[in-house]
Protein backbone atom coordinates (compact mmCIF):
# COMPACT_ATOMS: atom_id res chain seq x y z
CA MET A 1 -3.52 -28.13 33.67
CA THR A 2 -2.45 -28.14 30.39
CA LEU A 3 -0.33 -25.48 28.45
CA THR A 4 -2.03 -23.15 26.25
CA THR A 5 -1.05 -20.10 25.95
CA ILE A 6 2.23 -18.49 24.85
CA GLY A 7 2.81 -15.47 24.93
CA PHE A 8 5.93 -13.36 22.78
CA ASP A 9 7.64 -10.08 24.02
CA ALA A 10 8.96 -8.74 20.64
CA ASP A 11 11.76 -6.07 20.88
CA ASP A 12 15.05 -8.21 21.46
CA THR A 13 13.29 -11.25 22.05
CA LEU A 14 11.94 -11.56 18.22
CA TRP A 15 13.90 -9.29 16.91
CA GLN A 16 16.65 -6.04 17.12
CA ASN A 17 15.64 -3.39 19.43
CA GLU A 18 18.52 -2.16 22.34
CA ALA A 19 21.31 -2.61 19.80
CA PHE A 20 20.15 0.43 17.58
CA PHE A 21 19.31 2.83 20.61
CA ARG A 22 22.85 2.58 22.35
CA LEU A 23 23.94 3.55 18.09
CA THR A 24 22.04 6.46 18.96
CA GLN A 25 23.11 7.42 21.90
CA GLU A 26 26.12 6.89 21.64
CA ARG A 27 25.69 9.10 18.96
CA PHE A 28 24.29 11.63 21.66
CA VAL A 29 27.08 11.78 23.78
CA ALA A 30 29.12 13.01 21.10
CA LEU A 31 27.53 16.17 19.67
CA LEU A 32 27.47 16.46 22.70
CA SER A 33 31.11 15.93 23.99
CA ASP A 34 32.20 19.68 24.29
CA TYR A 35 29.38 20.20 27.27
CA ALA A 36 29.51 17.25 29.36
CA GLY A 37 32.10 14.26 29.86
CA HIS A 38 30.79 10.89 28.36
CA ASP A 39 29.53 8.80 31.37
CA HIS A 40 27.82 12.31 32.87
CA LEU A 41 26.06 12.70 29.70
CA HIS A 42 24.30 8.93 30.12
CA GLU A 43 23.23 9.17 33.60
CA ARG A 44 21.84 12.37 32.42
CA LEU A 45 20.20 10.44 30.21
CA LEU A 46 18.83 7.28 31.99
CA ALA A 47 17.62 10.11 35.21
CA ALA A 48 15.41 11.75 32.03
CA GLU A 49 14.52 8.39 30.98
CA ARG A 50 13.64 6.92 34.25
CA ARG A 51 12.03 10.72 35.01
CA ASN A 52 9.86 10.39 31.76
CA LEU A 53 8.41 6.84 31.65
CA GLY A 54 5.26 8.86 32.82
CA HIS A 55 4.87 10.71 30.01
CA TYR A 56 6.03 9.67 26.97
CA GLY A 57 5.51 6.38 27.68
CA PHE A 58 8.17 3.26 25.94
CA GLY A 59 10.01 3.68 22.83
CA ILE A 60 11.60 6.03 20.65
CA LYS A 61 10.16 9.17 20.39
CA GLY A 62 10.29 9.67 24.68
CA PHE A 63 13.93 8.22 24.16
CA VAL A 64 14.43 11.00 21.48
CA LEU A 65 12.42 13.97 24.07
CA SER A 66 14.69 12.70 26.91
CA MET A 67 17.44 13.64 24.46
CA ILE A 68 16.64 16.71 23.97
CA GLU A 69 15.83 17.84 27.06
CA THR A 70 18.86 16.53 28.48
CA ALA A 71 20.43 18.75 25.17
CA ILE A 72 19.20 21.48 26.84
CA GLU A 73 19.86 20.69 30.65
CA VAL A 74 23.48 19.97 30.08
CA THR A 75 24.22 22.82 28.20
CA ASP A 76 22.03 25.94 30.11
CA GLY A 77 19.69 26.19 27.47
CA ARG A 78 22.24 26.63 24.91
CA VAL A 79 22.28 23.70 22.61
CA PRO A 80 22.50 24.12 19.03
CA ALA A 81 19.63 24.15 16.66
CA SER A 82 21.59 22.16 14.97
CA VAL A 83 22.07 19.22 17.18
CA ILE A 84 18.39 19.27 18.51
CA SER A 85 17.85 19.02 15.20
CA ASP A 86 20.75 15.73 14.76
CA LEU A 87 18.49 14.47 17.70
CA MET A 88 15.52 14.37 15.75
CA ALA A 89 17.09 13.41 12.04
CA SER A 90 18.51 9.82 14.45
CA GLY A 91 15.46 9.71 16.10
CA ARG A 92 13.91 9.38 12.52
CA GLU A 93 16.38 7.23 11.13
CA MET A 94 15.96 4.27 14.43
CA LEU A 95 11.51 4.33 12.86
CA ARG A 96 13.12 3.80 8.93
CA HIS A 97 15.20 0.70 10.96
CA PRO A 98 14.60 -2.67 9.10
CA ILE A 99 13.81 -5.46 10.80
CA GLU A 100 16.15 -8.22 11.74
CA LEU A 101 15.14 -11.46 13.59
CA LEU A 102 16.77 -13.14 15.93
CA PRO A 103 18.01 -17.04 15.95
CA HIS A 104 15.28 -19.01 15.95
CA ALA A 105 12.87 -16.20 16.08
CA ARG A 106 10.50 -17.75 13.15
CA GLU A 107 10.88 -21.42 13.30
CA ALA A 108 9.39 -21.24 17.42
CA VAL A 109 6.73 -19.37 16.62
CA GLU A 110 5.52 -20.93 14.20
CA SER A 111 6.23 -24.57 15.63
CA LEU A 112 4.45 -23.29 18.67
CA SER A 113 1.85 -21.96 17.27
CA ALA A 114 0.28 -25.53 15.70
CA ASP A 115 -1.12 -26.51 19.19
CA HIS A 116 -0.92 -23.40 21.46
CA ARG A 117 -2.75 -19.82 21.03
CA VAL A 118 0.42 -17.63 20.85
CA LEU A 119 0.32 -13.81 21.68
CA LEU A 120 2.75 -10.78 21.04
CA ILE A 121 2.98 -8.62 23.55
CA THR A 122 4.65 -5.69 23.77
CA LYS A 123 4.74 -2.55 25.22
CA GLY A 124 6.30 1.07 23.22
CA ASP A 125 4.60 3.03 20.40
CA LEU A 126 1.66 1.81 18.46
CA LEU A 127 2.93 3.13 15.60
CA ASP A 128 6.29 1.93 16.14
CA GLN A 129 5.86 -1.71 17.36
CA GLU A 130 2.89 -2.30 14.25
CA ARG A 131 5.85 -1.31 11.91
CA LYS A 132 7.53 -3.67 13.19
CA LEU A 133 5.82 -6.28 13.20
CA ALA A 134 4.12 -5.95 9.92
CA GLN A 135 7.80 -5.64 8.13
CA SER A 136 8.90 -9.01 11.02
CA GLY A 137 6.72 -11.17 8.55
CA LEU A 138 5.44 -13.26 11.74
CA GLY A 139 2.39 -11.05 11.64
CA ASP A 140 -0.29 -13.85 10.58
CA LEU A 141 1.55 -16.56 12.94
CA PHE A 142 -0.77 -14.36 16.20
CA ASP A 143 -3.62 -15.18 16.89
CA GLY A 144 -3.40 -12.33 18.95
CA VAL A 145 -1.51 -9.03 19.21
CA GLU A 146 -1.03 -7.18 22.13
CA ILE A 147 0.39 -3.68 21.92
CA VAL A 148 0.60 -1.64 25.62
CA SER A 149 1.87 0.84 27.83
CA ASP A 150 3.38 -0.87 30.05
CA LYS A 151 4.13 -5.39 31.66
CA THR A 152 2.29 -5.50 35.15
CA PRO A 153 0.47 -8.10 36.77
CA GLY A 154 -2.39 -5.97 36.18
CA VAL A 155 -2.18 -6.43 32.66
CA TYR A 156 -0.92 -10.09 31.90
CA ALA A 157 -4.15 -10.85 34.40
CA ALA A 158 -5.83 -8.17 32.02
CA ILE A 159 -5.17 -10.08 28.63
CA PHE A 160 -5.26 -13.76 30.25
CA ALA A 161 -8.44 -13.09 30.63
CA ARG A 162 -8.95 -11.05 27.03
CA HIS A 163 -8.07 -13.76 25.46
CA GLY A 164 -10.65 -16.56 27.74
CA VAL A 165 -7.28 -18.20 29.22
CA ALA A 166 -6.53 -18.56 33.24
CA PRO A 167 -2.48 -17.80 34.21
CA GLU A 168 -1.50 -21.26 34.79
CA GLN A 169 -2.37 -22.14 31.62
CA ALA A 170 -0.30 -19.33 30.25
CA MET A 171 3.52 -18.46 29.03
CA MET A 172 5.47 -15.70 28.12
CA VAL A 173 8.86 -16.08 26.68
CA GLY A 174 11.53 -12.45 26.91
CA ASN A 175 14.24 -11.24 27.69
CA SER A 176 13.14 -8.91 30.39
CA LEU A 177 12.95 -10.69 33.84
CA LYS A 178 11.38 -6.98 34.65
CA SER A 179 8.75 -7.24 32.30
CA ASP A 180 8.35 -10.37 30.90
CA VAL A 181 9.19 -12.89 34.02
CA LEU A 182 8.25 -11.44 36.62
CA PRO A 183 4.97 -10.31 36.28
CA VAL A 184 3.28 -13.29 34.62
CA LEU A 185 5.03 -14.93 38.06
CA ASP A 186 2.91 -12.79 39.80
CA VAL A 187 0.39 -13.35 38.55
CA GLY A 188 0.74 -17.66 38.63
CA GLY A 189 1.72 -18.09 34.53
CA TRP A 190 4.98 -18.75 33.68
CA GLY A 191 8.03 -16.98 32.97
CA VAL A 192 10.92 -18.14 30.36
CA HIS A 193 13.98 -15.69 30.29
CA VAL A 194 15.66 -15.32 27.27
CA PRO A 195 19.23 -13.18 28.06
CA HIS A 196 19.66 -10.36 25.68
CA GLY A 197 23.43 -9.14 25.48
CA LEU A 198 21.82 -4.99 25.44
CA THR A 199 19.24 -4.43 27.64
CA TRP A 200 18.51 -1.35 29.05
CA ALA A 201 19.15 -0.32 33.04
CA LEU A 202 16.12 0.50 33.08
CA GLU A 203 15.01 -3.15 32.46
CA HIS A 204 17.24 -5.09 34.67
CA ALA A 205 16.00 -7.18 37.97
CA GLU A 206 17.06 -9.88 40.12
CA THR A 207 16.57 -13.47 38.60
CA PRO A 208 14.28 -15.43 40.80
CA GLU A 209 16.25 -18.63 41.86
CA GLY A 210 14.33 -21.67 42.30
CA HIS A 211 10.63 -20.89 41.43
CA THR A 212 8.98 -23.56 39.83
CA ARG A 213 7.35 -21.39 37.26
CA PHE A 214 10.61 -20.01 36.23
CA ARG A 215 12.52 -21.42 33.02
CA GLN A 216 15.66 -19.53 31.42
CA LEU A 217 17.26 -20.18 28.07
CA THR A 218 20.56 -19.26 25.92
CA ASP A 219 18.14 -18.36 22.69
CA LEU A 220 14.33 -19.17 21.27
CA GLY A 221 15.38 -22.81 19.64
CA GLY A 222 14.69 -24.24 23.15
CA LEU A 223 11.69 -23.22 24.06
CA PRO A 224 9.55 -26.30 21.97
CA ASP A 225 11.49 -28.61 23.74
CA LEU A 226 10.68 -26.86 27.22
CA VAL A 227 7.03 -26.26 26.45
CA GLU A 228 6.88 -30.14 25.25
CA THR A 229 8.73 -31.11 28.51
CA LEU A 230 6.34 -28.87 30.60
CA GLN A 231 3.36 -30.89 28.91
CA GLY A 232 4.16 -33.59 29.76
CA SER A 233 4.63 -33.43 32.95
CA HIS A 234 2.33 -33.50 36.07
CA LYS A 235 4.33 -30.01 37.00
CA ILE A 236 1.43 -27.56 34.81
């Protein structure tokens, strides 16, 4: 079986993302330090994010709404309007932040696009993801862009079917085991984990040790060689 299609995650795979969430979260903690401790605020915010995923989805807008909700909760409804205003301003600043490509991102996509169909498969807010892709300068390299509300085995199966590729002919590359690797392995594809130094708590998952279609790289620089090696073997 020939590997024809390479899917790339976007946030924290091709460009920095989580770092900006962490900075805003520390701003949130500082604004509410008179009402609750550091760890308690982090725990309450994470609980709100988990609770709200089904309502707001992934992305900055849902994050800001979860911060505001948590601020109301921990202050028993007495949060100053100035704090709400600061949190909203922080969200707008995140939406304006320039894109910073991760090491070897452009080279990996360019190299693989020469002989493979390359797809961007990302989740989050539609407008924000489109903005980041446009600013990244990578948009013209992709044969298709899929912005989805979540990444599940069913979502990946539908994407592969839409692009006319069998799952065993597809590889997904990303920093999240939970979203980028495990669901693709479940439908019969290849999953390549490229860890990032910062990973959102809700994206943690166990490494599928020993899985024949799982690989891990330290950065995207080794991806073209990995694909070439797999293509030259009889394992695909």
